[in-house]
C-alpha atoms as a PDB file:
ATOM      1  CA  UNK A   1     -13.930  43.918  66.068  1.00  0.00           C
ATOM      2  CA  UNK A   2     -12.198  41.850  63.733  1.00  0.00           C
ATOM      3  CA  UNK A   3     -13.259  41.929  60.095  1.00  0.00           C
ATOM      4  CA  UNK A   4     -14.683  38.564  60.052  1.00  0.00           C
ATOM      5  CA  UNK A   5     -17.014  39.654  63.064  1.00  0.00           C
ATOM      6  CA  UNK A   6     -18.069  42.581  60.958  1.00  0.00           C
ATOM      7  CA  UNK A   7     -18.794  40.603  57.957  1.00  0.00           C
ATOM      8  CA  UNK A   8     -20.674  38.081  60.254  1.00  0.00           C
ATOM      9  CA  UNK A   9     -22.775  40.901  61.671  1.00  0.00           C
ATOM     10  CA  UNK A  10     -23.314  42.635  58.223  1.00  0.00           C
ATOM     11  CA  UNK A  11     -24.348  39.016  56.655  1.00  0.00           C
ATOM     12  CA  UNK A  12     -27.483  39.268  58.804  1.00  0.00           C
ATOM     13  CA  UNK A  13     -28.558  42.321  56.949  1.00  0.00           C
ATOM     14  CA  UNK A  14     -31.468  41.620  54.652  1.00  0.00           C
ATOM     15  CA  UNK A  15     -31.370  43.098  50.910  1.00  0.00           C
ATOM     16  CA  UNK A  16     -33.683  45.564  51.170  1.00  0.00           C
ATOM     17  CA  UNK A  17     -31.564  47.446  54.037  1.00  0.00           C
ATOM     18  CA  UNK A  18     -28.616  47.446  51.895  1.00  0.00           C
ATOM     19  CA  UNK A  19     -30.569  48.962  48.994  1.00  0.00           C
ATOM     20  CA  UNK A  20     -31.899  51.453  51.280  1.00  0.00           C
ATOM     21  CA  UNK A  21     -28.590  52.309  52.788  1.00  0.00           C
ATOM     22  CA  UNK A  22     -27.050  53.063  49.216  1.00  0.00           C
ATOM     23  CA  UNK A  23     -29.859  55.175  48.265  1.00  0.00           C
ATOM     24  CA  UNK A  24     -29.679  57.128  51.429  1.00  0.00           C
ATOM     25  CA  UNK A  25     -26.106  58.034  50.356  1.00  0.00           C
ATOM     26  CA  UNK A  26     -27.344  59.482  47.077  1.00  0.00           C
ATOM     27  CA  UNK A  27     -25.977  56.884  44.848  1.00  0.00           C
ATOM     28  CA  UNK A  28     -27.658  57.541  41.297  1.00  0.00           C
ATOM     29  CA  UNK A  29     -28.067  53.725  40.822  1.00  0.00           C
ATOM     30  CA  UNK A  30     -29.101  50.971  43.239  1.00  0.00           C
ATOM     31  CA  UNK A  31     -28.382  47.521  42.162  1.00  0.00           C
ATOM     32  CA  UNK A  32     -30.247  44.938  44.741  1.00  0.00           C
ATOM     33  CA  UNK A  33     -28.149  41.801  45.803  1.00  0.00           C
ATOM     34  CA  UNK A  34     -28.746  38.429  44.840  1.00  0.00           C
ATOM     35  CA  UNK A  35     -27.762  35.409  47.432  1.00  0.00           C
ATOM     36  CA  UNK A  36     -26.112  33.816  44.169  1.00  0.00           C
ATOM     37  CA  UNK A  37     -23.423  36.456  43.729  1.00  0.00           C
ATOM     38  CA  UNK A  38     -19.710  35.649  44.156  1.00  0.00           C
ATOM     39  CA  UNK A  39     -18.393  36.210  47.831  1.00  0.00           C
ATOM     40  CA  UNK A  40     -16.322  39.297  46.902  1.00  0.00           C
ATOM     41  CA  UNK A  41     -19.765  40.647  45.874  1.00  0.00           C
ATOM     42  CA  UNK A  42     -21.267  39.850  49.049  1.00  0.00           C
ATOM     43  CA  UNK A  43     -18.340  41.162  50.759  1.00  0.00           C
ATOM     44  CA  UNK A  44     -18.234  44.385  49.066  1.00  0.00           C
ATOM     45  CA  UNK A  45     -22.172  44.733  49.817  1.00  0.00           C
ATOM     46  CA  UNK A  46     -21.332  43.743  53.534  1.00  0.00           C
ATOM     47  CA  UNK A  47     -18.727  46.815  53.422  1.00  0.00           C
ATOM     48  CA  UNK A  48     -21.273  49.348  51.980  1.00  0.00           C
ATOM     49  CA  UNK A  49     -23.905  48.073  54.614  1.00  0.00           C
ATOM     50  CA  UNK A  50     -21.320  48.425  57.326  1.00  0.00           C
ATOM     51  CA  UNK A  51     -20.879  52.203  56.341  1.00  0.00           C
ATOM     52  CA  UNK A  52     -24.337  52.925  56.327  1.00  0.00           C
ATOM     53  CA  UNK A  53     -25.003  51.527  59.615  1.00  0.00           C
ATOM     54  CA  UNK A  54     -21.760  52.475  61.437  1.00  0.00           C
ATOM     55  CA  UNK A  55     -23.408  55.581  62.282  1.00  0.00           C
ATOM     56  CA  UNK A  56     -25.244  55.195  65.654  1.00  0.00           C
ATOM     57  CA  UNK A  57     -24.086  51.308  66.458  1.00  0.00           C
ATOM     58  CA  UNK A  58     -22.725  52.053  70.149  1.00  0.00           C
ATOM     59  CA  UNK A  59     -20.165  49.563  71.985  1.00  0.00           C
ATOM     60  CA  UNK A  60     -19.563  47.400  68.770  1.00  0.00           C
ATOM     61  CA  UNK A  61     -18.128  44.101  69.670  1.00  0.00           C
ATOM     62  CA  UNK A  62     -18.000  40.519  68.455  1.00  0.00           C
ATOM     63  CA  UNK A  63     -21.085  39.666  71.157  1.00  0.00           C
ATOM     64  CA  UNK A  64     -23.140  42.717  69.600  1.00  0.00           C
ATOM     65  CA  UNK A  65     -22.128  41.418  66.080  1.00  0.00           C
ATOM     66  CA  UNK A  66     -23.532  37.794  66.719  1.00  0.00           C
ATOM     67  CA  UNK A  67     -26.703  39.505  68.386  1.00  0.00           C
ATOM     68  CA  UNK A  68     -27.359  41.482  65.351  1.00  0.00           C
ATOM     69  CA  UNK A  69     -27.758  38.244  63.600  1.00  0.00           C
ATOM     70  CA  UNK A  70     -30.306  36.897  65.775  1.00  0.00           C
ATOM     71  CA  UNK A  71     -32.457  39.885  65.857  1.00  0.00           C
ATOM     72  CA  UNK A  72     -36.200  39.288  65.520  1.00  0.00           C
ATOM     73  CA  UNK A  73     -38.061  40.852  62.656  1.00  0.00           C
ATOM     74  CA  UNK A  74     -39.599  44.452  62.999  1.00  0.00           C
ATOM     75  CA  UNK A  75     -42.767  44.260  64.979  1.00  0.00           C
ATOM     76  CA  UNK A  76     -41.534  41.703  67.679  1.00  0.00           C
ATOM     77  CA  UNK A  77     -39.032  42.505  70.531  1.00  0.00           C
ATOM     78  CA  UNK A  78     -39.765  45.917  72.165  1.00  0.00           C
ATOM     79  CA  UNK A  79     -43.666  46.637  71.840  1.00  0.00           C
ATOM     80  CA  UNK A  80     -45.919  49.352  73.704  1.00  0.00           C
ATOM     81  CA  UNK A  81     -48.945  48.060  76.058  1.00  0.00           C
ATOM     82  CA  UNK A  82     -51.534  50.330  77.761  1.00  0.00           C
ATOM     83  CA  UNK A  83     -51.055  50.868  81.321  1.00  0.00           C
ATOM     84  CA  UNK A  84     -53.015  53.906  82.412  1.00  0.00           C
ATOM     85  CA  UNK A  85     -56.226  55.503  80.214  1.00  0.00           C
ATOM     86  CA  UNK A  86     -57.627  58.385  82.516  1.00  0.00           C
ATOM     87  CA  UNK A  87     -60.113  60.752  81.072  1.00  0.00           C
ATOM     88  CA  UNK A  88     -61.837  63.863  82.681  1.00  0.00           C
ATOM     89  CA  UNK A  89     -64.108  66.302  81.224  1.00  0.00           C
ATOM     90  CA  UNK A  90     -65.706  69.143  82.753  1.00  0.00           C
ATOM     91  CA  UNK A  91     -67.003  72.901  81.943  1.00  0.00           C
ATOM     92  CA  UNK A  92     -63.375  74.309  82.917  1.00  0.00           C
ATOM     93  CA  UNK A  93     -60.830  71.406  82.973  1.00  0.00           C
ATOM     94  CA  UNK A  94     -60.166  68.350  80.703  1.00  0.00           C
ATOM     95  CA  UNK A  95     -57.771  65.610  80.753  1.00  0.00           C
ATOM     96  CA  UNK A  96     -56.648  63.218  78.065  1.00  0.00           C
ATOM     97  CA  UNK A  97     -53.993  60.456  79.326  1.00  0.00           C
ATOM     98  CA  UNK A  98     -53.154  57.712  77.608  1.00  0.00           C
ATOM     99  CA  UNK A  99     -49.794  55.892  78.488  1.00  0.00           C
ATOM    100  CA  UNK A 100     -48.146  52.613  77.214  1.00  0.00           C
ATOM    101  CA  UNK A 101     -45.506  50.835  78.846  1.00  0.00           C
ATOM    102  CA  UNK A 102     -42.534  49.230  76.885  1.00  0.00           C
ATOM    103  CA  UNK A 103     -42.898  45.119  76.876  1.00  0.00           C
ATOM    104  CA  UNK A 104     -40.206  42.798  75.537  1.00  0.00           C
ATOM    105  CA  UNK A 105     -41.180  39.535  73.704  1.00  0.00           C
ATOM    106  CA  UNK A 106     -40.031  37.591  70.636  1.00  0.00           C
ATOM    107  CA  UNK A 107     -36.413  37.687  71.670  1.00  0.00           C
ATOM    108  CA  UNK A 108     -34.079  35.298  73.098  1.00  0.00           C
ATOM    109  CA  UNK A 109     -30.630  35.308  74.096  1.00  0.00           C
ATOM    110  CA  UNK A 110     -28.083  37.443  75.933  1.00  0.00           C
ATOM    111  CA  UNK A 111     -29.790  40.735  75.032  1.00  0.00           C
ATOM    112  CA  UNK A 112     -33.280  39.292  76.810  1.00  0.00           C
ATOM    113  CA  UNK A 113     -31.946  40.057  80.418  1.00  0.00           C
ATOM    114  CA  UNK A 114     -30.893  43.591  79.201  1.00  0.00           C
ATOM    115  CA  UNK A 115     -33.936  44.131  77.340  1.00  0.00           C
ATOM    116  CA  UNK A 116     -36.275  43.639  80.215  1.00  0.00           C
ATOM    117  CA  UNK A 117     -33.958  45.222  82.749  1.00  0.00           C
ATOM    118  CA  UNK A 118     -33.806  48.492  80.897  1.00  0.00           C
ATOM    119  CA  UNK A 119     -37.538  48.519  79.788  1.00  0.00           C
ATOM    120  CA  UNK A 120     -38.500  48.361  83.363  1.00  0.00           C
ATOM    121  CA  UNK A 121     -36.075  51.142  84.171  1.00  0.00           C
ATOM    122  CA  UNK A 122     -38.110  53.049  81.373  1.00  0.00           C
ATOM    123  CA  UNK A 123     -41.345  52.065  82.473  1.00  0.00           C
ATOM    124  CA  UNK A 124     -40.469  53.291  86.257  1.00  0.00           C
ATOM    125  CA  UNK A 125     -39.633  56.836  84.803  1.00  0.00           C
ATOM    126  CA  UNK A 126     -42.718  57.032  82.509  1.00  0.00           C
ATOM    127  CA  UNK A 127     -45.048  56.041  85.565  1.00  0.00           C
ATOM    128  CA  UNK A 128     -43.507  58.601  87.657  1.00  0.00           C
ATOM    129  CA  UNK A 129     -44.010  61.310  85.309  1.00  0.00           C
ATOM    130  CA  UNK A 130     -47.213  60.238  84.696  1.00  0.00           C
ATOM    131  CA  UNK A 131     -48.280  60.130  88.188  1.00  0.00           C
ATOM    132  CA  UNK A 132     -46.491  63.454  88.742  1.00  0.00           C
ATOM    133  CA  UNK A 133     -48.758  65.330  85.865  1.00  0.00           C
ATOM    134  CA  UNK A 134     -51.889  63.473  86.874  1.00  0.00           C
ATOM    135  CA  UNK A 135     -51.297  64.645  90.280  1.00  0.00           C
ATOM    136  CA  UNK A 136     -50.758  68.452  89.041  1.00  0.00           C
ATOM    137  CA  UNK A 137     -53.768  68.107  87.217  1.00  0.00           C
ATOM    138  CA  UNK A 138     -56.273  66.868  90.283  1.00  0.00           C
ATOM    139  CA  UNK A 139     -54.663  69.684  92.321  1.00  0.00           C
ATOM    140  CA  UNK A 140     -55.619  72.092  89.480  1.00  0.00           C
ATOM    141  CA  UNK A 141     -59.445  71.090  89.842  1.00  0.00           C
ATOM    142  CA  UNK A 142     -59.501  73.093  93.173  1.00  0.00           C
ATOM    143  CA  UNK A 143     -58.192  76.316  91.601  1.00  0.00           C
ATOM    144  CA  UNK A 144     -60.106  78.843  89.401  1.00  0.00           C
ATOM    145  CA  UNK A 145     -59.705  79.295  85.837  1.00  0.00           C
ATOM    146  CA  UNK A 146     -59.272  76.835  82.741  1.00  0.00           C
ATOM    147  CA  UNK A 147     -56.851  74.070  82.349  1.00  0.00           C
ATOM    148  CA  UNK A 148     -56.065  70.744  80.458  1.00  0.00           C
ATOM    149  CA  UNK A 149     -53.662  67.786  80.181  1.00  0.00           C
ATOM    150  CA  UNK A 150     -52.747  65.747  77.571  1.00  0.00           C
ATOM    151  CA  UNK A 151     -50.350  62.846  77.766  1.00  0.00           C
ATOM    152  CA  UNK A 152     -49.343  60.278  75.391  1.00  0.00           C
ATOM    153  CA  UNK A 153     -46.938  57.667  74.351  1.00  0.00           C
ATOM    154  CA  UNK A 154     -45.756  57.256  70.890  1.00  0.00           C
ATOM    155  CA  UNK A 155     -43.358  54.467  69.083  1.00  0.00           C
ATOM    156  CA  UNK A 156     -41.042  56.920  66.851  1.00  0.00           C
ATOM    157  CA  UNK A 157     -38.376  54.281  65.466  1.00  0.00           C
ATOM    158  CA  UNK A 158     -39.073  50.633  65.207  1.00  0.00           C
ATOM    159  CA  UNK A 159     -36.521  48.924  62.687  1.00  0.00           C
ATOM    160  CA  UNK A 160     -33.800  46.274  62.819  1.00  0.00           C
ATOM    161  CA  UNK A 161     -31.523  47.913  65.102  1.00  0.00           C
ATOM    162  CA  UNK A 162     -33.511  50.708  66.891  1.00  0.00           C
ATOM    163  CA  UNK A 163     -36.741  50.982  69.147  1.00  0.00           C
ATOM    164  CA  UNK A 164     -37.552  54.541  70.082  1.00  0.00           C
ATOM    165  CA  UNK A 165     -40.429  55.613  72.256  1.00  0.00           C
ATOM    166  CA  UNK A 166     -41.552  59.450  73.012  1.00  0.00           C
ATOM    167  CA  UNK A 167     -43.745  60.346  75.788  1.00  0.00           C
ATOM    168  CA  UNK A 168     -45.257  63.642  75.217  1.00  0.00           C
ATOM    169  CA  UNK A 169     -47.277  65.986  77.885  1.00  0.00           C
ATOM    170  CA  UNK A 170     -49.095  68.841  76.701  1.00  0.00           C
ATOM    171  CA  UNK A 171     -50.395  71.255  79.577  1.00  0.00           C
ATOM    172  CA  UNK A 172     -52.754  74.511  79.194  1.00  0.00           C
ATOM    173  CA  UNK A 173     -53.592  76.902  82.066  1.00  0.00           C
ATOM    174  CA  UNK A 174     -52.779  80.565  81.725  1.00  0.00           C
ATOM    175  CA  UNK A 175     -50.431  79.526  78.614  1.00  0.00           C
ATOM    176  CA  UNK A 176     -49.672  76.413  77.048  1.00  0.00           C
ATOM    177  CA  UNK A 177     -46.599  74.227  76.853  1.00  0.00           C
ATOM    178  CA  UNK A 178     -45.367  71.251  75.432  1.00  0.00           C
ATOM    179  CA  UNK A 179     -42.565  68.829  76.538  1.00  0.00           C
ATOM    180  CA  UNK A 180     -41.343  65.285  75.371  1.00  0.00           C
ATOM    181  CA  UNK A 181     -39.007  62.674  76.586  1.00  0.00           C
ATOM    182  CA  UNK A 182     -37.120  59.948  74.131  1.00  0.00           C
ATOM    183  CA  UNK A 183     -36.392  56.312  75.269  1.00  0.00           C
ATOM    184  CA  UNK A 184     -33.847  55.038  72.677  1.00  0.00           C
ATOM    185  CA  UNK A 185     -33.190  50.912  72.865  1.00  0.00           C
ATOM    186  CA  UNK A 186     -30.388  49.275  71.203  1.00  0.00           C
ATOM    187  CA  UNK A 187     -32.030  45.888  69.654  1.00  0.00           C
ATOM    188  CA  UNK A 188     -28.313  44.471  69.418  1.00  0.00           C
ATOM    189  CA  UNK A 189     -27.631  44.902  73.176  1.00  0.00           C
ATOM    190  CA  UNK A 190     -31.214  45.228  74.665  1.00  0.00           C
ATOM    191  CA  UNK A 191     -29.767  48.313  76.711  1.00  0.00           C
ATOM    192  CA  UNK A 192     -31.401  51.889  76.895  1.00  0.00           C
ATOM    193  CA  UNK A 193     -28.990  53.981  75.001  1.00  0.00           C
ATOM    194  CA  UNK A 194     -28.067  57.717  76.075  1.00  0.00           C
ATOM    195  CA  UNK A 195     -26.418  60.095  73.636  1.00  0.00           C
ATOM    196  CA  UNK A 196     -22.855  59.617  75.191  1.00  0.00           C
ATOM    197  CA  UNK A 197     -23.230  55.795  74.571  1.00  0.00           C
ATOM    198  CA  UNK A 198     -22.932  56.540  70.575  1.00  0.00           C
ATOM    199  CA  UNK A 199     -19.679  58.316  70.643  1.00  0.00           C
ATOM    200  CA  UNK A 200     -16.079  57.399  71.807  1.00  0.00           C
ATOM    201  CA  UNK A 201     -14.599  58.234  75.135  1.00  0.00           C
ATOM    202  CA  UNK A 202     -12.944  61.449  75.008  1.00  0.00           C
ATOM    203  CA  UNK A 203     -14.530  62.724  71.612  1.00  0.00           C
ATOM    204  CA  UNK A 204     -15.885  65.829  72.958  1.00  0.00           C
ATOM    205  CA  UNK A 205     -19.073  65.030  71.368  1.00  0.00           C
ATOM    206  CA  UNK A 206     -20.954  67.950  73.228  1.00  0.00           C
ATOM    207  CA  UNK A 207     -18.907  70.555  71.665  1.00  0.00           C
ATOM    208  CA  UNK A 208     -18.812  69.105  68.234  1.00  0.00           C
ATOM    209  CA  UNK A 209     -22.479  68.509  67.874  1.00  0.00           C
ATOM    210  CA  UNK A 210     -23.238  71.842  69.478  1.00  0.00           C
ATOM    211  CA  UNK A 211     -20.970  73.754  66.648  1.00  0.00           C
ATOM    212  CA  UNK A 212     -23.000  71.783  64.178  1.00  0.00           C
ATOM    213  CA  UNK A 213     -26.281  72.562  65.490  1.00  0.00           C
ATOM    214  CA  UNK A 214     -25.312  76.315  65.913  1.00  0.00           C
ATOM    215  CA  UNK A 215     -24.434  76.358  62.169  1.00  0.00           C
ATOM    216  CA  UNK A 216     -28.030  74.633  61.435  1.00  0.00           C
ATOM    217  CA  UNK A 217     -29.301  77.626  63.652  1.00  0.00           C
ATOM    218  CA  UNK A 218     -27.563  80.264  62.080  1.00  0.00           C
ATOM    219  CA  UNK A 219     -28.545  78.739  58.430  1.00  0.00           C
ATOM    220  CA  UNK A 220     -32.504  78.607  59.314  1.00  0.00           C
ATOM    221  CA  UNK A 221     -32.426  82.026  60.684  1.00  0.00           C
ATOM    222  CA  UNK A 222     -30.792  83.187  57.372  1.00  0.00           C
ATOM    223  CA  UNK A 223     -33.279  81.485  55.188  1.00  0.00           C
ATOM    224  CA  UNK A 224     -36.577  81.917  57.130  1.00  0.00           C
ATOM    225  CA  UNK A 225     -37.219  85.499  58.688  1.00  0.00           C
ATOM    226  CA  UNK A 226     -39.494  84.000  61.287  1.00  0.00           C
ATOM    227  CA  UNK A 227     -36.980  81.744  62.908  1.00  0.00           C
ATOM    228  CA  UNK A 228     -35.373  83.164  65.902  1.00  0.00           C
ATOM    229  CA  UNK A 229     -33.136  81.080  67.927  1.00  0.00           C
ATOM    230  CA  UNK A 230     -31.485  82.023  71.294  1.00  0.00           C
ATOM    231  CA  UNK A 231     -27.718  82.006  70.988  1.00  0.00           C
ATOM    232  CA  UNK A 232     -25.431  83.125  73.809  1.00  0.00           C
ATOM    233  CA  UNK A 233     -22.791  84.510  71.462  1.00  0.00           C
ATOM    234  CA  UNK A 234     -25.631  87.072  70.288  1.00  0.00           C
ATOM    235  CA  UNK A 235     -25.512  88.665  73.402  1.00  0.00           C
ATOM    236  CA  UNK A 236     -27.871  86.513  75.593  1.00  0.00           C
ATOM    237  CA  UNK A 237     -26.441  85.253  78.630  1.00  0.00           C
ATOM    238  CA  UNK A 238     -29.100  82.377  78.669  1.00  0.00           C
ATOM    239  CA  UNK A 239     -28.970  81.624  75.060  1.00  0.00           C
ATOM    240  CA  UNK A 240     -27.930  78.280  73.877  1.00  0.00           C
ATOM    241  CA  UNK A 241     -23.890  77.459  73.601  1.00  0.00           C
ATOM    242  CA  UNK A 242     -23.922  73.695  74.020  1.00  0.00           C
ATOM    243  CA  UNK A 243     -26.232  70.597  74.416  1.00  0.00           C
ATOM    244  CA  UNK A 244     -26.401  69.007  77.982  1.00  0.00           C
ATOM    245  CA  UNK A 245     -24.469  65.865  79.046  1.00  0.00           C
ATOM    246  CA  UNK A 246     -28.359  64.201  79.404  1.00  0.00           C
ATOM    247  CA  UNK A 247     -29.608  66.015  75.961  1.00  0.00           C
ATOM    248  CA  UNK A 248     -32.864  64.449  74.680  1.00  0.00           C
ATOM    249  CA  UNK A 249     -32.420  62.743  71.170  1.00  0.00           C
ATOM    250  CA  UNK A 250     -33.569  59.958  69.400  1.00  0.00           C
ATOM    251  CA  UNK A 251     -32.782  57.903  66.649  1.00  0.00           C
ATOM    252  CA  UNK A 252     -34.754  58.058  63.193  1.00  0.00           C
ATOM    253  CA  UNK A 253     -35.994  55.489  60.991  1.00  0.00           C
ATOM    254  CA  UNK A 254     -32.775  56.499  58.779  1.00  0.00           C
ATOM    255  CA  UNK A 255     -30.743  55.689  61.718  1.00  0.00           C
ATOM    256  CA  UNK A 256     -30.022  59.190  61.878  1.00  0.00           C
ATOM    257  CA  UNK A 257     -29.201  60.981  65.408  1.00  0.00           C
ATOM    258  CA  UNK A 258     -31.704  63.737  65.832  1.00  0.00           C
ATOM    259  CA  UNK A 259     -31.023  66.206  68.848  1.00  0.00           C
ATOM    260  CA  UNK A 260     -34.183  67.351  70.215  1.00  0.00           C
ATOM    261  CA  UNK A 261     -35.317  70.639  72.359  1.00  0.00           C
ATOM    262  CA  UNK A 262     -38.457  71.352  73.736  1.00  0.00           C
ATOM    263  CA  UNK A 263     -40.767  73.897  73.459  1.00  0.00           C
ATOM    264  CA  UNK A 264     -38.883  77.550  74.496  1.00  0.00           C
ATOM    265  CA  UNK A 265     -35.652  75.796  75.057  1.00  0.00           C
ATOM    266  CA  UNK A 266     -33.558  77.413  72.316  1.00  0.00           C
ATOM    267  CA  UNK A 267     -36.327  79.752  70.411  1.00  0.00           C
ATOM    268  CA  UNK A 268     -39.567  81.509  71.582  1.00  0.00           C
ATOM    269  CA  UNK A 269     -42.957  79.281  72.803  1.00  0.00           C
ATOM    270  CA  UNK A 270     -44.217  79.987  69.397  1.00  0.00           C
ATOM    271  CA  UNK A 271     -41.807  78.018  67.439  1.00  0.00           C
ATOM    272  CA  UNK A 272     -42.678  74.607  69.329  1.00  0.00           C
ATOM    273  CA  UNK A 273     -39.737  72.016  69.992  1.00  0.00           C
ATOM    274  CA  UNK A 274     -37.050  72.001  67.768  1.00  0.00           C
ATOM    275  CA  UNK A 275     -35.028  69.172  66.284  1.00  0.00           C
ATOM    276  CA  UNK A 276     -31.505  68.857  64.160  1.00  0.00           C
ATOM    277  CA  UNK A 277     -30.552  65.984  62.562  1.00  0.00           C
ATOM    278  CA  UNK A 278     -26.860  65.553  62.628  1.00  0.00           C
ATOM    279  CA  UNK A 279     -24.920  64.694  59.729  1.00  0.00           C
ATOM    280  CA  UNK A 280     -24.021  61.143  59.505  1.00  0.00           C
ATOM    281  CA  UNK A 281     -19.956  62.313  58.745  1.00  0.00           C
ATOM    282  CA  UNK A 282     -20.111  64.295  61.953  1.00  0.00           C
ATOM    283  CA  UNK A 283     -21.417  61.025  64.094  1.00  0.00           C
ATOM    284  CA  UNK A 284     -19.168  58.635  62.338  1.00  0.00           C
ATOM    285  CA  UNK A 285     -15.981  61.217  63.276  1.00  0.00           C
ATOM    286  CA  UNK A 286     -17.071  61.267  66.767  1.00  0.00           C
ATOM    287  CA  UNK A 287     -17.398  57.138  66.954  1.00  0.00           C
ATOM    288  CA  UNK A 288     -13.865  56.614  65.472  1.00  0.00           C
END
């Protein structure tokens, strides 16, 4: 991307986002920008904002930069609308299924077509997974014992750049288990984003991210005695060594990449699901 394109893109960022970006980097003094400031001051502010938001902005191009200027305000673009609301209650079984689909509104331009296409693909996955879980629950009604099922969708992130939806299922029979799926949308392109889309080709991001996660796991186990992760290097042949190519992740409200593992995947079931926030420096390095 040319510098002029970058500045055009950053020109669409509101003052409050730049102030927040500076604060997130630990600066002691954060000075709000004024529209009356000189061009060179605005240029420096744009560079600071670019540094803050360079993390997790995939496939940057002049087209994406221009799209960023026309992004709708938070609350529009992607939104959740209810499509299934199923409840069942008996002496031995219960179900609470309240699931939403992703809808697109309040946006025009090149990203509109991609947004609708990606939301439709995600909705198909949500419907298929919900249908499967509902079918399994109804089949369990014919069996003995107790059982329950809870399926929910939740908006995780909705800022100027990202929209993230979480689909969570909690099943209880002889034991209980929770699993989640995350769907990440880029508002600049309208596309659903996979983890590999965030990084440069040939960056070997899986290895680099895995090494950082293992480091975090060891630090947590050292600090908290009740933490116990399954690590392959500790002699466990099934222990964690590297993230999957289709690894579950999301981008939080601070535009940080968060790697997620379902319950029992990298630690005892009693620890629940686990998540690890990747350092911005690591993500930026993998994007260069």
